[in-house]
C-alpha atoms as a PDB file:
ATOM      1  CA  MET A   1      40.587-168.452 124.661  1.00  0.00           C
ATOM      2  CA  THR A   2      43.648-167.843 125.722  1.00  0.00           C
ATOM      3  CA  ILE A   3      45.457-169.181 122.138  1.00  0.00           C
ATOM      4  CA  ASN A   4      43.287-167.094 120.162  1.00  0.00           C
ATOM      5  CA  GLY A   5      44.153-163.810 122.311  1.00  0.00           C
ATOM      6  CA  LEU A   6      48.118-164.857 121.595  1.00  0.00           C
ATOM      7  CA  VAL A   7      47.037-164.978 118.263  1.00  0.00           C
ATOM      8  CA  VAL A   8      45.523-161.856 117.744  1.00  0.00           C
ATOM      9  CA  LEU A   9      48.601-159.910 119.836  1.00  0.00           C
ATOM     10  CA  ALA A  10      51.221-162.226 117.323  1.00  0.00           C
ATOM     11  CA  ALA A  11      49.196-160.552 114.166  1.00  0.00           C
ATOM     12  CA  ALA A  12      48.712-156.926 115.449  1.00  0.00           C
ATOM     13  CA  ALA A  13      52.657-156.905 116.410  1.00  0.00           C
ATOM     14  CA  LEU A  14      53.334-158.308 112.872  1.00  0.00           C
ATOM     15  CA  ALA A  15      50.804-155.795 111.105  1.00  0.00           C
ATOM     16  CA  GLY A  16      52.487-153.081 113.156  1.00  0.00           C
ATOM     17  CA  TYR A  17      55.961-154.069 112.233  1.00  0.00           C
ATOM     18  CA  LEU A  18      54.979-154.247 108.192  1.00  0.00           C
ATOM     19  CA  ALA A  19      53.226-151.109 108.290  1.00  0.00           C
ATOM     20  CA  ARG A  20      56.787-149.693 109.560  1.00  0.00           C
ATOM     21  CA  HIS A  21      58.819-151.743 106.811  1.00  0.00           C
ATOM     22  CA  PRO A  22      57.396-151.507 103.576  1.00  0.00           C
ATOM     23  CA  ARG A  23      60.280-153.449 101.943  1.00  0.00           C
ATOM     24  CA  VAL A  24      59.548-156.573 104.241  1.00  0.00           C
ATOM     25  CA  LEU A  25      55.819-156.230 103.633  1.00  0.00           C
ATOM     26  CA  ARG A  26      56.934-156.113  99.705  1.00  0.00           C
ATOM     27  CA  ALA A  27      58.965-159.399 100.068  1.00  0.00           C
ATOM     28  CA  GLN A  28      56.335-161.221 102.000  1.00  0.00           C
ATOM     29  CA  ARG A  29      53.798-160.315  99.525  1.00  0.00           C
ATOM     30  CA  PHE A  30      56.221-161.846  96.595  1.00  0.00           C
ATOM     31  CA  ALA A  31      56.769-164.763  98.854  1.00  0.00           C
ATOM     32  CA  SER A  32      53.855-165.448  99.328  1.00  0.00           C
ATOM     33  CA  GLY A  33      52.475-164.970  95.393  1.00  0.00           C
ATOM     34  CA  THR A  34      54.895-167.245  94.456  1.00  0.00           C
ATOM     35  CA  LEU A  35      54.106-169.845  96.618  1.00  0.00           C
ATOM     36  CA  LEU A  36      50.051-169.881  96.045  1.00  0.00           C
ATOM     37  CA  GLY A  37      51.310-169.590  92.091  1.00  0.00           C
ATOM     38  CA  PHE A  38      53.478-172.662  92.458  1.00  0.00           C
ATOM     39  CA  LEU A  39      50.335-174.186  94.146  1.00  0.00           C
ATOM     40  CA  ALA A  40      47.940-173.082  91.675  1.00  0.00           C
ATOM     41  CA  ALA A  41      50.035-174.695  88.578  1.00  0.00           C
ATOM     42  CA  LYS A  42      50.555-177.707  90.719  1.00  0.00           C
ATOM     43  CA  MET A  43      46.772-178.289  91.274  1.00  0.00           C
ATOM     44  CA  ALA A  44      46.431-177.636  87.342  1.00  0.00           C
ATOM     45  CA  THR A  45      48.494-179.838  86.044  1.00  0.00           C
ATOM     46  CA  SER A  46      47.823-182.813  88.630  1.00  0.00           C
ATOM     47  CA  ARG A  47      45.783-185.713  87.643  1.00  0.00           C
ATOM     48  CA  PRO A  48      43.051-186.813  89.960  1.00  0.00           C
ATOM     49  CA  ASN A  49      43.064-190.072  91.572  1.00  0.00           C
END
């Protein structure tokens, strides 16, 4: 229960920081999108075992 509370507090703090710094939010979204696109391309081109 304590760990879940700490995760919630950290997420709230991060959300507040990103709300005050839109450039960081844009960079985070770009990085996440790039990573997810890479993983999607990797899955699309991989062969099943």
